[in-house]
Amino acid sequence: MKEDIIVKVGYDFKFNQSACYSCKGKCCIGASGYIWINYDEIAEVSNFLNLTIEEFSFRYLKKVKYKYSIREKKLSKNNFACIFFDLEKKRCQIYNVRPSQCRTYPFWEENRGVLDSKSIAELKSECPGIIF
C-alpha cells in the first residue's frame, strides 16, 4: 500500500494517513470529549444519512452552550466511542462526510509546535500514523 505522508507547517511531526486503514479507530475511542460539528457539516451528514436536519440533530447531536457535538456511546467506565464508530468493523460510518475536527486530526492546534516527551508518547499512542 502506498504511503500518503502529510506535512503541515508548524508541526513537529508528519502523518502517514494510510495508517488509518489498520488503526482500528484509536482517535474515535477513548476518554469522553466533544466532537464538534458546524451547521454545514450537520447538513452534509444529514443528507448522507438520508435524514432531515431535525431528525439527525435529535438522534445524534447534543447542544453544548451555543455549539453542537456528536453524541458518544459509553463502552466502559472511562471509555467512549463516537456514535458513528462501528465497533465491529472498526471504522467510521460517516467517514466521507465526517466533521472537520475528525478530518484534520492529528493536526490540531494543541499539537502544534514543540511537544514534550509525554505529549509525543500520548500522541503516538492515539495515532499510529504519527511520524517524528
N, C-alpha and C. Protein backbone atom coordinates (compact mmCIF):
# COMPACT_ATOMS: atom_id res chain seq x y z
N MET A 1 0.83 -1.18 0.00
CA MET A 1 0.00 0.00 0.00
C MET A 1 0.88 1.25 0.00
N LYS A 2 0.57 2.20 -0.85
CA LYS A 2 1.32 3.44 -0.96
C LYS A 2 1.14 4.28 0.31
N GLU A 3 2.24 4.82 0.82
CA GLU A 3 2.16 5.69 1.98
C GLU A 3 1.80 7.09 1.53
N ASP A 4 0.85 7.69 2.21
CA ASP A 4 0.43 9.05 1.94
C ASP A 4 0.85 9.91 3.12
N ILE A 5 2.02 10.53 3.01
CA ILE A 5 2.59 11.31 4.10
C ILE A 5 2.15 12.76 3.97
N ILE A 6 1.61 13.30 5.05
CA ILE A 6 1.18 14.70 5.09
C ILE A 6 2.12 15.46 6.02
N VAL A 7 2.55 16.62 5.55
CA VAL A 7 3.41 17.50 6.33
C VAL A 7 2.69 18.84 6.42
N LYS A 8 2.63 19.40 7.63
CA LYS A 8 1.99 20.71 7.83
C LYS A 8 2.99 21.64 8.50
N VAL A 9 3.06 22.85 8.04
CA VAL A 9 3.95 23.87 8.61
C VAL A 9 3.53 24.13 10.06
N GLY A 10 4.54 24.17 10.94
CA GLY A 10 4.29 24.46 12.35
C GLY A 10 4.12 23.24 13.22
N TYR A 11 4.15 22.05 12.62
CA TYR A 11 4.01 20.81 13.38
C TYR A 11 5.33 20.05 13.34
N ASP A 12 5.68 19.45 14.46
CA ASP A 12 6.95 18.74 14.59
C ASP A 12 6.85 17.28 14.16
N PHE A 13 5.81 16.93 13.49
CA PHE A 13 5.62 15.54 13.06
C PHE A 13 5.00 15.53 11.67
N LYS A 14 5.06 14.36 11.07
CA LYS A 14 4.39 14.10 9.80
C LYS A 14 3.29 13.10 10.11
N PHE A 15 2.39 12.92 9.15
CA PHE A 15 1.28 11.99 9.34
C PHE A 15 1.15 11.08 8.14
N ASN A 16 1.20 9.78 8.39
CA ASN A 16 1.01 8.77 7.35
C ASN A 16 -0.47 8.39 7.37
N GLN A 17 -1.25 9.00 6.47
CA GLN A 17 -2.69 8.77 6.50
C GLN A 17 -3.10 7.35 6.12
N SER A 18 -2.22 6.60 5.49
CA SER A 18 -2.56 5.21 5.18
C SER A 18 -2.63 4.35 6.44
N ALA A 19 -2.08 4.85 7.56
CA ALA A 19 -2.17 4.13 8.84
C ALA A 19 -3.61 4.04 9.33
N CYS A 20 -4.47 4.91 8.85
CA CYS A 20 -5.88 4.89 9.27
C CYS A 20 -6.55 3.55 8.93
N TYR A 21 -6.09 2.93 7.85
CA TYR A 21 -6.70 1.67 7.42
C TYR A 21 -6.45 0.53 8.40
N SER A 22 -5.36 0.57 9.13
CA SER A 22 -5.04 -0.51 10.07
C SER A 22 -5.18 -0.09 11.53
N CYS A 23 -5.49 1.15 11.79
CA CYS A 23 -5.51 1.70 13.15
C CYS A 23 -6.64 1.16 14.01
N LYS A 24 -7.79 0.92 13.42
CA LYS A 24 -8.98 0.45 14.14
C LYS A 24 -9.59 1.52 15.04
N GLY A 25 -9.42 2.78 14.66
CA GLY A 25 -10.15 3.87 15.29
C GLY A 25 -9.68 4.37 16.63
N LYS A 26 -8.38 4.37 16.87
CA LYS A 26 -7.88 4.84 18.17
C LYS A 26 -8.28 6.29 18.45
N CYS A 27 -8.42 7.11 17.42
CA CYS A 27 -8.81 8.51 17.64
C CYS A 27 -10.31 8.66 17.82
N CYS A 28 -11.07 7.59 17.60
CA CYS A 28 -12.53 7.62 17.75
C CYS A 28 -13.00 7.03 19.07
N ILE A 29 -12.07 6.43 19.81
CA ILE A 29 -12.39 5.74 21.07
C ILE A 29 -11.46 6.28 22.15
N GLY A 30 -11.99 6.43 23.36
CA GLY A 30 -11.15 6.85 24.48
C GLY A 30 -11.92 7.67 25.48
N ALA A 31 -11.24 8.60 26.10
CA ALA A 31 -11.88 9.47 27.09
C ALA A 31 -13.00 10.27 26.44
N SER A 32 -13.99 10.61 27.23
CA SER A 32 -15.10 11.42 26.73
C SER A 32 -14.60 12.79 26.31
N GLY A 33 -15.22 13.33 25.30
CA GLY A 33 -14.85 14.65 24.82
C GLY A 33 -15.92 15.17 23.88
N TYR A 34 -15.62 16.25 23.21
CA TYR A 34 -16.57 16.82 22.28
C TYR A 34 -16.11 16.57 20.85
N ILE A 35 -17.07 16.24 20.00
CA ILE A 35 -16.83 16.04 18.58
C ILE A 35 -17.63 17.15 17.90
N TRP A 36 -17.00 18.31 17.75
CA TRP A 36 -17.69 19.49 17.26
C TRP A 36 -18.10 19.33 15.81
N ILE A 37 -19.29 19.86 15.52
CA ILE A 37 -19.82 19.81 14.16
C ILE A 37 -20.56 21.12 13.90
N ASN A 38 -20.29 21.74 12.75
CA ASN A 38 -20.95 23.01 12.44
C ASN A 38 -22.19 22.76 11.57
N TYR A 39 -22.92 23.85 11.29
CA TYR A 39 -24.19 23.69 10.59
C TYR A 39 -24.02 23.08 9.20
N ASP A 40 -23.04 23.53 8.43
CA ASP A 40 -22.83 22.97 7.09
C ASP A 40 -22.52 21.48 7.16
N GLU A 41 -21.74 21.07 8.16
CA GLU A 41 -21.40 19.65 8.33
C GLU A 41 -22.64 18.87 8.76
N ILE A 42 -23.46 19.47 9.61
CA ILE A 42 -24.71 18.82 10.04
C ILE A 42 -25.58 18.55 8.81
N ALA A 43 -25.70 19.54 7.94
CA ALA A 43 -26.49 19.37 6.72
C ALA A 43 -25.91 18.27 5.83
N GLU A 44 -24.58 18.24 5.70
CA GLU A 44 -23.93 17.24 4.84
C GLU A 44 -24.11 15.82 5.40
N VAL A 45 -23.92 15.65 6.71
CA VAL A 45 -24.08 14.32 7.31
C VAL A 45 -25.55 13.90 7.27
N SER A 46 -26.46 14.84 7.54
CA SER A 46 -27.90 14.54 7.47
C SER A 46 -28.27 14.01 6.10
N ASN A 47 -27.80 14.71 5.07
CA ASN A 47 -28.07 14.30 3.69
C ASN A 47 -27.48 12.92 3.41
N PHE A 48 -26.25 12.69 3.86
CA PHE A 48 -25.58 11.40 3.68
C PHE A 48 -26.38 10.26 4.31
N LEU A 49 -26.97 10.53 5.48
CA LEU A 49 -27.75 9.52 6.19
C LEU A 49 -29.22 9.49 5.77
N ASN A 50 -29.57 10.36 4.82
CA ASN A 50 -30.94 10.46 4.32
C ASN A 50 -31.92 10.80 5.45
N LEU A 51 -31.52 11.76 6.29
CA LEU A 51 -32.35 12.23 7.39
C LEU A 51 -32.55 13.73 7.24
N THR A 52 -33.64 14.24 7.81
CA THR A 52 -33.78 15.69 7.88
C THR A 52 -32.78 16.19 8.92
N ILE A 53 -32.47 17.46 8.86
CA ILE A 53 -31.57 18.05 9.85
C ILE A 53 -32.15 17.88 11.25
N GLU A 54 -33.45 18.03 11.37
CA GLU A 54 -34.10 17.89 12.68
C GLU A 54 -33.97 16.45 13.20
N GLU A 55 -34.21 15.45 12.34
CA GLU A 55 -34.08 14.05 12.75
C GLU A 55 -32.64 13.74 13.17
N PHE A 56 -31.70 14.17 12.34
CA PHE A 56 -30.30 13.94 12.63
C PHE A 56 -29.91 14.59 13.96
N SER A 57 -30.30 15.83 14.14
CA SER A 57 -29.95 16.57 15.36
C SER A 57 -30.51 15.88 16.60
N PHE A 58 -31.76 15.45 16.53
CA PHE A 58 -32.40 14.79 17.67
C PHE A 58 -31.69 13.47 18.02
N ARG A 59 -31.36 12.70 17.02
CA ARG A 59 -30.76 11.37 17.24
C ARG A 59 -29.28 11.41 17.62
N TYR A 60 -28.53 12.32 17.01
CA TYR A 60 -27.07 12.19 17.06
C TYR A 60 -26.29 13.36 17.67
N LEU A 61 -26.97 14.46 17.99
CA LEU A 61 -26.25 15.62 18.49
C LEU A 61 -26.65 15.99 19.91
N LYS A 62 -25.71 16.65 20.58
CA LYS A 62 -26.03 17.28 21.86
C LYS A 62 -25.58 18.72 21.77
N LYS A 63 -26.37 19.59 22.38
CA LYS A 63 -26.05 21.02 22.37
C LYS A 63 -25.18 21.33 23.57
N VAL A 64 -24.08 22.03 23.31
CA VAL A 64 -23.15 22.45 24.36
C VAL A 64 -23.02 23.96 24.23
N LYS A 65 -23.73 24.67 25.11
CA LYS A 65 -23.83 26.14 25.04
C LYS A 65 -24.36 26.52 23.67
N TYR A 66 -23.58 27.16 22.82
CA TYR A 66 -24.06 27.60 21.52
C TYR A 66 -23.53 26.74 20.37
N LYS A 67 -22.93 25.60 20.70
CA LYS A 67 -22.35 24.71 19.69
C LYS A 67 -23.00 23.34 19.76
N TYR A 68 -22.67 22.50 18.78
CA TYR A 68 -23.18 21.13 18.74
C TYR A 68 -22.02 20.14 18.69
N SER A 69 -22.23 19.02 19.38
CA SER A 69 -21.25 17.93 19.40
C SER A 69 -21.98 16.64 19.06
N ILE A 70 -21.29 15.76 18.35
CA ILE A 70 -21.84 14.43 18.06
C ILE A 70 -21.85 13.63 19.37
N ARG A 71 -22.90 12.90 19.59
CA ARG A 71 -23.03 12.09 20.80
C ARG A 71 -21.99 10.96 20.80
N GLU A 72 -21.71 10.47 22.00
CA GLU A 72 -20.82 9.33 22.18
C GLU A 72 -21.60 8.17 22.76
N LYS A 73 -21.05 6.98 22.61
CA LYS A 73 -21.61 5.81 23.30
C LYS A 73 -20.59 5.36 24.34
N LYS A 74 -21.10 5.04 25.52
CA LYS A 74 -20.23 4.62 26.61
C LYS A 74 -19.89 3.15 26.44
N LEU A 75 -18.58 2.85 26.45
CA LEU A 75 -18.13 1.47 26.30
C LEU A 75 -17.80 0.85 27.65
N SER A 76 -17.23 1.64 28.54
CA SER A 76 -16.90 1.22 29.90
C SER A 76 -16.72 2.49 30.73
N LYS A 77 -16.25 2.35 31.96
CA LYS A 77 -16.21 3.48 32.89
C LYS A 77 -15.61 4.76 32.29
N ASN A 78 -14.43 4.72 31.77
CA ASN A 78 -13.79 5.91 31.19
C ASN A 78 -13.46 5.73 29.72
N ASN A 79 -14.29 4.97 29.03
CA ASN A 79 -14.03 4.67 27.63
C ASN A 79 -15.30 4.90 26.81
N PHE A 80 -15.18 5.77 25.82
CA PHE A 80 -16.31 6.15 24.98
C PHE A 80 -15.92 6.02 23.52
N ALA A 81 -16.93 6.00 22.66
CA ALA A 81 -16.69 5.99 21.21
C ALA A 81 -17.68 6.94 20.56
N CYS A 82 -17.27 7.54 19.48
CA CYS A 82 -18.18 8.35 18.68
C CYS A 82 -19.35 7.46 18.28
N ILE A 83 -20.53 8.01 18.28
CA ILE A 83 -21.72 7.23 17.95
C ILE A 83 -21.67 6.67 16.52
N PHE A 84 -20.86 7.28 15.67
CA PHE A 84 -20.74 6.81 14.29
C PHE A 84 -19.58 5.83 14.08
N PHE A 85 -18.91 5.45 15.15
CA PHE A 85 -17.83 4.48 15.02
C PHE A 85 -18.41 3.08 15.13
N ASP A 86 -18.26 2.29 14.08
CA ASP A 86 -18.75 0.91 14.04
C ASP A 86 -17.75 0.04 14.79
N LEU A 87 -18.15 -0.45 15.95
CA LEU A 87 -17.25 -1.23 16.81
C LEU A 87 -16.88 -2.58 16.21
N GLU A 88 -17.76 -3.16 15.41
CA GLU A 88 -17.46 -4.45 14.79
C GLU A 88 -16.50 -4.30 13.62
N LYS A 89 -16.78 -3.36 12.75
CA LYS A 89 -15.94 -3.16 11.56
C LYS A 89 -14.72 -2.29 11.85
N LYS A 90 -14.72 -1.63 13.02
CA LYS A 90 -13.62 -0.76 13.44
C LYS A 90 -13.36 0.37 12.45
N ARG A 91 -14.44 1.06 12.08
CA ARG A 91 -14.29 2.18 11.18
C ARG A 91 -15.47 3.15 11.31
N CYS A 92 -15.26 4.34 10.80
CA CYS A 92 -16.27 5.40 10.85
C CYS A 92 -17.35 5.13 9.82
N GLN A 93 -18.60 5.24 10.25
CA GLN A 93 -19.73 5.02 9.34
C GLN A 93 -20.02 6.23 8.46
N ILE A 94 -19.47 7.39 8.82
CA ILE A 94 -19.69 8.60 8.03
C ILE A 94 -18.35 9.17 7.54
N TYR A 95 -17.38 8.32 7.33
CA TYR A 95 -16.01 8.74 7.02
C TYR A 95 -15.94 9.80 5.92
N ASN A 96 -16.66 9.62 4.84
CA ASN A 96 -16.56 10.54 3.71
C ASN A 96 -17.16 11.92 3.99
N VAL A 97 -17.97 12.03 5.04
CA VAL A 97 -18.59 13.32 5.38
C VAL A 97 -18.33 13.69 6.84
N ARG A 98 -17.31 13.11 7.43
CA ARG A 98 -17.01 13.37 8.84
C ARG A 98 -16.68 14.84 9.06
N PRO A 99 -16.93 15.35 10.27
CA PRO A 99 -16.67 16.77 10.56
C PRO A 99 -15.20 17.14 10.40
N SER A 100 -14.94 18.42 10.24
CA SER A 100 -13.56 18.89 10.04
C SER A 100 -12.68 18.55 11.23
N GLN A 101 -13.23 18.50 12.43
CA GLN A 101 -12.43 18.11 13.60
C GLN A 101 -11.81 16.74 13.38
N CYS A 102 -12.58 15.84 12.81
CA CYS A 102 -12.08 14.48 12.54
C CYS A 102 -11.13 14.46 11.35
N ARG A 103 -11.47 15.23 10.32
CA ARG A 103 -10.64 15.26 9.10
C ARG A 103 -9.26 15.85 9.34
N THR A 104 -9.16 16.78 10.27
CA THR A 104 -7.89 17.48 10.48
C THR A 104 -7.00 16.81 11.53
N TYR A 105 -7.51 15.82 12.26
CA TYR A 105 -6.69 15.14 13.25
C TYR A 105 -5.54 14.42 12.55
N PRO A 106 -4.34 14.44 13.04
CA PRO A 106 -3.83 14.93 14.32
C PRO A 106 -3.32 16.38 14.29
N PHE A 107 -3.60 17.09 13.20
CA PHE A 107 -3.09 18.46 13.07
C PHE A 107 -4.02 19.45 13.78
N TRP A 108 -4.13 19.29 15.08
CA TRP A 108 -4.91 20.19 15.92
C TRP A 108 -3.98 21.21 16.55
N GLU A 109 -4.52 22.35 16.90
CA GLU A 109 -3.71 23.44 17.45
C GLU A 109 -2.90 23.00 18.67
N GLU A 110 -3.47 22.18 19.55
CA GLU A 110 -2.73 21.75 20.75
C GLU A 110 -1.55 20.84 20.43
N ASN A 111 -1.48 20.34 19.21
CA ASN A 111 -0.36 19.50 18.79
C ASN A 111 0.67 20.27 17.97
N ARG A 112 0.48 21.57 17.86
CA ARG A 112 1.37 22.42 17.07
C ARG A 112 2.61 22.77 17.90
N GLY A 113 3.74 22.89 17.21
CA GLY A 113 4.96 23.34 17.87
C GLY A 113 5.69 22.21 18.57
N VAL A 114 6.62 22.59 19.40
CA VAL A 114 7.47 21.63 20.09
C VAL A 114 6.67 20.91 21.17
N LEU A 115 6.71 19.59 21.11
CA LEU A 115 6.00 18.77 22.08
C LEU A 115 7.00 18.15 23.06
N ASP A 116 6.59 17.99 24.32
CA ASP A 116 7.46 17.31 25.28
C ASP A 116 7.32 15.80 25.09
N SER A 117 8.17 15.03 25.75
CA SER A 117 8.19 13.58 25.55
C SER A 117 6.87 12.92 25.96
N LYS A 118 6.20 13.46 26.99
CA LYS A 118 4.90 12.91 27.42
C LYS A 118 3.85 13.14 26.33
N SER A 119 3.83 14.33 25.76
CA SER A 119 2.88 14.65 24.70
C SER A 119 3.13 13.80 23.46
N ILE A 120 4.40 13.61 23.13
CA ILE A 120 4.76 12.79 21.97
C ILE A 120 4.29 11.35 22.18
N ALA A 121 4.53 10.80 23.35
CA ALA A 121 4.12 9.42 23.65
C ALA A 121 2.61 9.28 23.59
N GLU A 122 1.89 10.26 24.13
CA GLU A 122 0.43 10.21 24.12
C GLU A 122 -0.11 10.30 22.69
N LEU A 123 0.45 11.21 21.92
CA LEU A 123 0.01 11.38 20.53
C LEU A 123 0.28 10.12 19.71
N LYS A 124 1.45 9.54 19.89
CA LYS A 124 1.78 8.31 19.15
C LYS A 124 0.88 7.14 19.56
N SER A 125 0.49 7.08 20.85
CA SER A 125 -0.39 6.00 21.30
C SER A 125 -1.80 6.16 20.72
N GLU A 126 -2.21 7.40 20.49
CA GLU A 126 -3.54 7.66 19.91
C GLU A 126 -3.53 7.49 18.40
N CYS A 127 -2.38 7.72 17.79
CA CYS A 127 -2.34 7.74 16.33
C CYS A 127 -1.07 7.06 15.80
N PRO A 128 -1.21 5.85 15.30
CA PRO A 128 -0.04 5.14 14.76
C PRO A 128 0.49 5.75 13.47
N GLY A 129 -0.20 6.73 12.91
CA GLY A 129 0.26 7.38 11.70
C GLY A 129 1.22 8.51 11.93
N ILE A 130 1.45 8.87 13.21
CA ILE A 130 2.36 9.95 13.55
C ILE A 130 3.80 9.50 13.29
N ILE A 131 4.56 10.36 12.63
CA ILE A 131 5.96 10.08 12.34
C ILE A 131 6.80 11.26 12.84
N PHE A 132 7.75 10.98 13.73
CA PHE A 132 8.66 12.01 14.23
C PHE A 132 10.01 11.86 13.59
